[in-house]
Amino acid sequence: MKPFFLFEEPVPEPLCDLIINMGLAANVEQAGVHVDNKTQQVADVRNNSIAWLNDKSISELLGEYVKHANADGGWNFHLNSFEVPQFSIYDVSQYYDWHVDMGVEQPTDTAFRKMSISINLNETYIGGDFQVEEWGEPETDRVVTLAPMRRTGAVCVFPSFINHRVTPVTAGTRYSLVGWFRGDMFK
């Protein structure tokens, strides 16, 4: 079992273009990271812009990919809710260093992040590689660059506790769509 699931068929390019246009038309803000129960800008960890896409059809699309990957990837996590998808913009020199997607939950939350999804929306940039830390022995090189994630429409689903990052973009602008799916606490 791998710590990620890559889909063979990409999201169609016209749909990727539509999502990019929706994201650029939304309220774009500086991205932050979750520290001490609040979102803060921490430039040495994350330096990019985001917008929230509260659109039912996009959430349903992401849900279908996650449902399929959850079963075919062998995780079979119980999922019962999702968060508003995030459109991400990475310009030259921007990145998101190693992180996991868990730990943003509030003390009153009853559902916790379990599955993450990332869709690459374009390929007209250099750098900006999507990397994950693969299972393995501590002394092995566990960093895997997911080369298929360079394609327009490429989709990767993975457990939210997997370390991952986006390396600095060196030319062009990278656009992606990410989302998180929640369920009861792991037991």
C-alpha atoms as a PDB file:
ATOM      1  CA  MET A   1       0.000   0.000   0.000  1.00  0.00           C
ATOM      2  CA  LYS A   2       1.322   3.434  -0.947  1.00  0.00           C
ATOM      3  CA  PRO A   3       0.793   6.555   1.157  1.00  0.00           C
ATOM      4  CA  PHE A   4      -0.909   8.266  -1.805  1.00  0.00           C
ATOM      5  CA  PHE A   5      -3.268   7.462  -4.657  1.00  0.00           C
ATOM      6  CA  LEU A   6      -2.686   8.972  -8.120  1.00  0.00           C
ATOM      7  CA  PHE A   7      -5.487   8.892 -10.662  1.00  0.00           C
ATOM      8  CA  GLU A   8      -4.584   7.854 -14.191  1.00  0.00           C
ATOM      9  CA  GLU A   9      -7.126  10.127 -15.860  1.00  0.00           C
ATOM     10  CA  PRO A  10      -6.715  13.859 -15.248  1.00  0.00           C
ATOM     11  CA  VAL A  11      -9.496  16.351 -14.608  1.00  0.00           C
ATOM     12  CA  PRO A  12     -10.382  17.770 -18.066  1.00  0.00           C
ATOM     13  CA  GLU A  13      -8.414  20.897 -18.955  1.00  0.00           C
ATOM     14  CA  PRO A  14     -11.524  23.070 -19.600  1.00  0.00           C
ATOM     15  CA  LEU A  15     -12.702  22.303 -16.045  1.00  0.00           C
ATOM     16  CA  CYS A  16      -9.234  23.171 -14.696  1.00  0.00           C
ATOM     17  CA  ASP A  17      -9.388  26.499 -16.570  1.00  0.00           C
ATOM     18  CA  LEU A  18     -12.847  27.177 -15.108  1.00  0.00           C
ATOM     19  CA  ILE A  19     -11.573  26.505 -11.569  1.00  0.00           C
ATOM     20  CA  ILE A  20      -8.571  28.806 -12.143  1.00  0.00           C
ATOM     21  CA  ASN A  21     -10.902  31.590 -13.313  1.00  0.00           C
ATOM     22  CA  MET A  22     -13.181  31.051 -10.299  1.00  0.00           C
ATOM     23  CA  GLY A  23     -10.182  31.166  -7.968  1.00  0.00           C
ATOM     24  CA  LEU A  24      -8.717  34.320  -9.485  1.00  0.00           C
ATOM     25  CA  ALA A  25     -12.130  36.017  -9.283  1.00  0.00           C
ATOM     26  CA  ALA A  26     -12.546  35.074  -5.599  1.00  0.00           C
ATOM     27  CA  ASN A  27     -11.187  36.915  -2.589  1.00  0.00           C
ATOM     28  CA  VAL A  28      -7.461  36.088  -2.836  1.00  0.00           C
ATOM     29  CA  GLU A  29      -5.484  36.397   0.405  1.00  0.00           C
ATOM     30  CA  GLN A  30      -2.030  35.583   1.755  1.00  0.00           C
ATOM     31  CA  ALA A  31      -1.924  31.944   2.901  1.00  0.00           C
ATOM     32  CA  GLY A  32      -1.178  31.055   6.481  1.00  0.00           C
ATOM     33  CA  VAL A  33      -0.474  28.008   8.612  1.00  0.00           C
ATOM     34  CA  HIS A  34      -2.285  26.760  11.698  1.00  0.00           C
ATOM     35  CA  VAL A  35      -0.319  27.564  14.875  1.00  0.00           C
ATOM     36  CA  ASP A  36      -1.704  27.599  18.429  1.00  0.00           C
ATOM     37  CA  ASN A  37      -5.358  27.323  17.303  1.00  0.00           C
ATOM     38  CA  LYS A  38      -5.160  30.205  14.828  1.00  0.00           C
ATOM     39  CA  THR A  39      -3.973  30.932  11.306  1.00  0.00           C
ATOM     40  CA  GLN A  40      -0.738  32.902  11.061  1.00  0.00           C
ATOM     41  CA  GLN A  41       1.616  33.912   8.262  1.00  0.00           C
ATOM     42  CA  VAL A  42       4.873  31.990   8.728  1.00  0.00           C
ATOM     43  CA  ALA A  43       6.984  32.822   5.667  1.00  0.00           C
ATOM     44  CA  ASP A  44       9.660  30.190   6.287  1.00  0.00           C
ATOM     45  CA  VAL A  45       6.955  27.491   6.137  1.00  0.00           C
ATOM     46  CA  ARG A  46       4.452  28.830   3.608  1.00  0.00           C
ATOM     47  CA  ASN A  47       4.592  31.668   1.101  1.00  0.00           C
ATOM     48  CA  ASN A  48       1.706  31.726  -1.386  1.00  0.00           C
ATOM     49  CA  SER A  49      -1.812  33.045  -1.933  1.00  0.00           C
ATOM     50  CA  ILE A  50      -5.165  31.289  -1.589  1.00  0.00           C
ATOM     51  CA  ALA A  51      -8.884  31.740  -2.151  1.00  0.00           C
ATOM     52  CA  TRP A  52     -11.782  29.671  -0.823  1.00  0.00           C
ATOM     53  CA  LEU A  53     -14.158  28.138  -3.392  1.00  0.00           C
ATOM     54  CA  ASN A  54     -17.444  27.475  -1.640  1.00  0.00           C
ATOM     55  CA  ASP A  55     -19.081  25.814  -4.643  1.00  0.00           C
ATOM     56  CA  LYS A  56     -21.199  22.684  -4.243  1.00  0.00           C
ATOM     57  CA  SER A  57     -20.243  21.173  -7.616  1.00  0.00           C
ATOM     58  CA  ILE A  58     -16.506  21.478  -6.869  1.00  0.00           C
ATOM     59  CA  SER A  59     -16.945  19.907  -3.427  1.00  0.00           C
ATOM     60  CA  GLU A  60     -18.938  17.046  -4.978  1.00  0.00           C
ATOM     61  CA  LEU A  61     -16.227  16.490  -7.608  1.00  0.00           C
ATOM     62  CA  LEU A  62     -13.539  16.310  -4.927  1.00  0.00           C
ATOM     63  CA  GLY A  63     -15.748  13.987  -2.893  1.00  0.00           C
ATOM     64  CA  GLU A  64     -16.030  11.495  -5.754  1.00  0.00           C
ATOM     65  CA  TYR A  65     -12.250  11.358  -6.160  1.00  0.00           C
ATOM     66  CA  VAL A  66     -11.714  10.918  -2.413  1.00  0.00           C
ATOM     67  CA  LYS A  67     -14.400   8.222  -2.165  1.00  0.00           C
ATOM     68  CA  HIS A  68     -12.766   6.247  -4.984  1.00  0.00           C
ATOM     69  CA  ALA A  69      -9.207   6.662  -3.652  1.00  0.00           C
ATOM     70  CA  ASN A  70     -10.242   5.836  -0.083  1.00  0.00           C
ATOM     71  CA  ALA A  71     -11.554   2.457  -1.258  1.00  0.00           C
ATOM     72  CA  ASP A  72      -8.996   1.647  -3.985  1.00  0.00           C
ATOM     73  CA  GLY A  73      -6.083   2.921  -1.882  1.00  0.00           C
ATOM     74  CA  GLY A  74      -7.071   0.468   0.846  1.00  0.00           C
ATOM     75  CA  TRP A  75      -7.525   3.019   3.629  1.00  0.00           C
ATOM     76  CA  ASN A  76     -11.311   2.700   4.043  1.00  0.00           C
ATOM     77  CA  PHE A  77     -11.423   5.625   6.467  1.00  0.00           C
ATOM     78  CA  HIS A  78     -14.832   6.620   7.786  1.00  0.00           C
ATOM     79  CA  LEU A  79     -15.567  10.066   6.304  1.00  0.00           C
ATOM     80  CA  ASN A  80     -18.614  12.178   7.080  1.00  0.00           C
ATOM     81  CA  SER A  81     -17.866  15.783   6.109  1.00  0.00           C
ATOM     82  CA  PHE A  82     -15.590  18.057   4.097  1.00  0.00           C
ATOM     83  CA  GLU A  83     -14.127  21.533   4.262  1.00  0.00           C
ATOM     84  CA  VAL A  84     -14.493  24.322   1.708  1.00  0.00           C
ATOM     85  CA  PRO A  85     -11.903  23.688  -1.041  1.00  0.00           C
ATOM     86  CA  GLN A  86      -8.881  25.967  -1.256  1.00  0.00           C
ATOM     87  CA  PHE A  87      -7.553  27.397  -4.534  1.00  0.00           C
ATOM     88  CA  SER A  88      -3.784  27.963  -4.247  1.00  0.00           C
ATOM     89  CA  ILE A  89      -1.549  30.299  -6.235  1.00  0.00           C
ATOM     90  CA  TYR A  90       2.239  29.898  -6.238  1.00  0.00           C
ATOM     91  CA  ASP A  91       4.178  32.637  -8.013  1.00  0.00           C
ATOM     92  CA  VAL A  92       7.970  32.643  -8.533  1.00  0.00           C
ATOM     93  CA  SER A  93       9.866  31.801  -5.303  1.00  0.00           C
ATOM     94  CA  GLN A  94       6.675  30.752  -3.522  1.00  0.00           C
ATOM     95  CA  TYR A  95       6.289  27.368  -1.816  1.00  0.00           C
ATOM     96  CA  TYR A  96       4.722  25.406   1.041  1.00  0.00           C
ATOM     97  CA  ASP A  97       7.361  23.500   3.018  1.00  0.00           C
ATOM     98  CA  TRP A  98       6.915  20.122   4.745  1.00  0.00           C
ATOM     99  CA  HIS A  99       3.641  19.814   6.648  1.00  0.00           C
ATOM    100  CA  VAL A 100       0.737  17.539   7.453  1.00  0.00           C
ATOM    101  CA  ASP A 101      -2.888  18.581   7.050  1.00  0.00           C
ATOM    102  CA  MET A 102      -4.031  17.424  10.477  1.00  0.00           C
ATOM    103  CA  GLY A 103      -3.977  19.480  13.657  1.00  0.00           C
ATOM    104  CA  VAL A 104      -6.253  22.335  12.562  1.00  0.00           C
ATOM    105  CA  GLU A 105      -9.205  20.956  14.497  1.00  0.00           C
ATOM    106  CA  GLN A 106     -10.732  22.983  17.304  1.00  0.00           C
ATOM    107  CA  PRO A 107     -11.384  21.427  20.747  1.00  0.00           C
ATOM    108  CA  THR A 108     -15.123  21.438  20.007  1.00  0.00           C
ATOM    109  CA  ASP A 109     -14.813  19.660  16.629  1.00  0.00           C
ATOM    110  CA  THR A 110     -16.366  16.216  16.348  1.00  0.00           C
ATOM    111  CA  ALA A 111     -14.855  15.429  12.930  1.00  0.00           C
ATOM    112  CA  PHE A 112     -11.142  15.372  12.157  1.00  0.00           C
ATOM    113  CA  ARG A 113      -9.164  15.648   8.921  1.00  0.00           C
ATOM    114  CA  LYS A 114      -8.445  12.200   7.522  1.00  0.00           C
ATOM    115  CA  MET A 115      -8.076  12.522   3.735  1.00  0.00           C
ATOM    116  CA  SER A 116      -6.517  15.259   1.608  1.00  0.00           C
ATOM    117  CA  ILE A 117      -6.801  15.852  -2.120  1.00  0.00           C
ATOM    118  CA  SER A 118      -4.665  17.951  -4.438  1.00  0.00           C
ATOM    119  CA  ILE A 119      -5.430  18.747  -8.082  1.00  0.00           C
ATOM    120  CA  ASN A 120      -2.804  20.406 -10.265  1.00  0.00           C
ATOM    121  CA  LEU A 121      -4.662  22.910 -12.454  1.00  0.00           C
ATOM    122  CA  ASN A 122      -1.926  23.895 -14.922  1.00  0.00           C
ATOM    123  CA  GLU A 123       1.550  22.953 -16.096  1.00  0.00           C
ATOM    124  CA  THR A 124       2.944  26.282 -17.336  1.00  0.00           C
ATOM    125  CA  TYR A 125       5.471  26.680 -14.532  1.00  0.00           C
ATOM    126  CA  ILE A 126       8.891  25.359 -13.519  1.00  0.00           C
ATOM    127  CA  GLY A 127       9.679  24.065 -10.035  1.00  0.00           C
ATOM    128  CA  GLY A 128       6.677  23.780  -7.742  1.00  0.00           C
ATOM    129  CA  ASP A 129       7.004  20.005  -7.435  1.00  0.00           C
ATOM    130  CA  PHE A 130       4.531  18.137  -5.254  1.00  0.00           C
ATOM    131  CA  GLN A 131       6.459  15.824  -2.948  1.00  0.00           C
ATOM    132  CA  VAL A 132       5.403  13.341  -0.274  1.00  0.00           C
ATOM    133  CA  GLU A 133       7.265  11.417   2.376  1.00  0.00           C
ATOM    134  CA  GLU A 134       6.754   7.738   1.614  1.00  0.00           C
ATOM    135  CA  TRP A 135       6.550   4.927   4.157  1.00  0.00           C
ATOM    136  CA  GLY A 136       9.882   3.282   4.750  1.00  0.00           C
ATOM    137  CA  GLU A 137      12.771   2.653   7.017  1.00  0.00           C
ATOM    138  CA  PRO A 138      14.141   5.766   8.750  1.00  0.00           C
ATOM    139  CA  GLU A 139      17.541   5.452   7.056  1.00  0.00           C
ATOM    140  CA  THR A 140      16.092   5.383   3.517  1.00  0.00           C
ATOM    141  CA  ASP A 141      15.374   8.377   1.314  1.00  0.00           C
ATOM    142  CA  ARG A 142      11.608   8.628   1.714  1.00  0.00           C
ATOM    143  CA  VAL A 143      10.998  11.800  -0.308  1.00  0.00           C
ATOM    144  CA  VAL A 144       9.083  11.063  -3.496  1.00  0.00           C
ATOM    145  CA  THR A 145       8.532  13.688  -6.175  1.00  0.00           C
ATOM    146  CA  LEU A 146       5.203  12.873  -7.782  1.00  0.00           C
ATOM    147  CA  ALA A 147       6.117  13.610 -11.403  1.00  0.00           C
ATOM    148  CA  PRO A 148       2.569  12.823 -12.653  1.00  0.00           C
ATOM    149  CA  MET A 149       1.368  15.782 -10.562  1.00  0.00           C
ATOM    150  CA  ARG A 150       3.038  18.101 -13.101  1.00  0.00           C
ATOM    151  CA  ARG A 151       0.245  17.399 -15.607  1.00  0.00           C
ATOM    152  CA  THR A 152      -2.763  19.668 -15.926  1.00  0.00           C
ATOM    153  CA  GLY A 153      -5.640  18.013 -14.073  1.00  0.00           C
ATOM    154  CA  ALA A 154      -3.501  15.496 -12.157  1.00  0.00           C
ATOM    155  CA  VAL A 155      -5.188  14.278  -8.955  1.00  0.00           C
ATOM    156  CA  CYS A 156      -3.549  12.909  -5.813  1.00  0.00           C
ATOM    157  CA  VAL A 157      -5.402  11.740  -2.684  1.00  0.00           C
ATOM    158  CA  PHE A 158      -3.579  10.834   0.527  1.00  0.00           C
ATOM    159  CA  PRO A 159      -4.141  10.461   4.269  1.00  0.00           C
ATOM    160  CA  SER A 160      -3.946  13.866   5.946  1.00  0.00           C
ATOM    161  CA  PHE A 161      -1.168  12.668   8.278  1.00  0.00           C
ATOM    162  CA  ILE A 162       1.306  12.200   5.375  1.00  0.00           C
ATOM    163  CA  ASN A 163       4.116  14.778   5.209  1.00  0.00           C
ATOM    164  CA  HIS A 164       4.047  16.670   1.905  1.00  0.00           C
ATOM    165  CA  ARG A 165       5.216  19.918   0.345  1.00  0.00           C
ATOM    166  CA  VAL A 166       5.296  22.107  -2.756  1.00  0.00           C
ATOM    167  CA  THR A 167       8.847  23.126  -3.680  1.00  0.00           C
ATOM    168  CA  PRO A 168       9.572  26.723  -4.731  1.00  0.00           C
ATOM    169  CA  VAL A 169       8.307  27.763  -8.161  1.00  0.00           C
ATOM    170  CA  THR A 170      11.199  29.038 -10.297  1.00  0.00           C
ATOM    171  CA  ALA A 171       9.237  30.313 -13.336  1.00  0.00           C
ATOM    172  CA  GLY A 172       5.580  30.906 -14.152  1.00  0.00           C
ATOM    173  CA  THR A 173       2.623  30.499 -11.788  1.00  0.00           C
ATOM    174  CA  ARG A 174       1.368  27.221 -10.310  1.00  0.00           C
ATOM    175  CA  TYR A 175      -2.373  26.823  -9.619  1.00  0.00           C
ATOM    176  CA  SER A 176      -3.863  23.997  -7.585  1.00  0.00           C
ATOM    177  CA  LEU A 177      -7.037  23.023  -5.784  1.00  0.00           C
ATOM    178  CA  VAL A 178      -6.886  21.264  -2.437  1.00  0.00           C
ATOM    179  CA  GLY A 179      -9.495  19.890  -0.069  1.00  0.00           C
ATOM    180  CA  TRP A 180      -9.848  17.968   3.170  1.00  0.00           C
ATOM    181  CA  PHE A 181     -12.340  15.327   4.220  1.00  0.00           C
ATOM    182  CA  ARG A 182     -13.182  14.598   7.827  1.00  0.00           C
ATOM    183  CA  GLY A 183     -14.502  11.784   9.959  1.00  0.00           C
ATOM    184  CA  ASP A 184     -14.682  10.563  13.530  1.00  0.00           C
ATOM    185  CA  MET A 185     -11.410  10.442  15.462  1.00  0.00           C
ATOM    186  CA  PHE A 186      -9.122   7.539  14.559  1.00  0.00           C
ATOM    187  CA  LYS A 187      -9.550   4.630  16.969  1.00  0.00           C
END
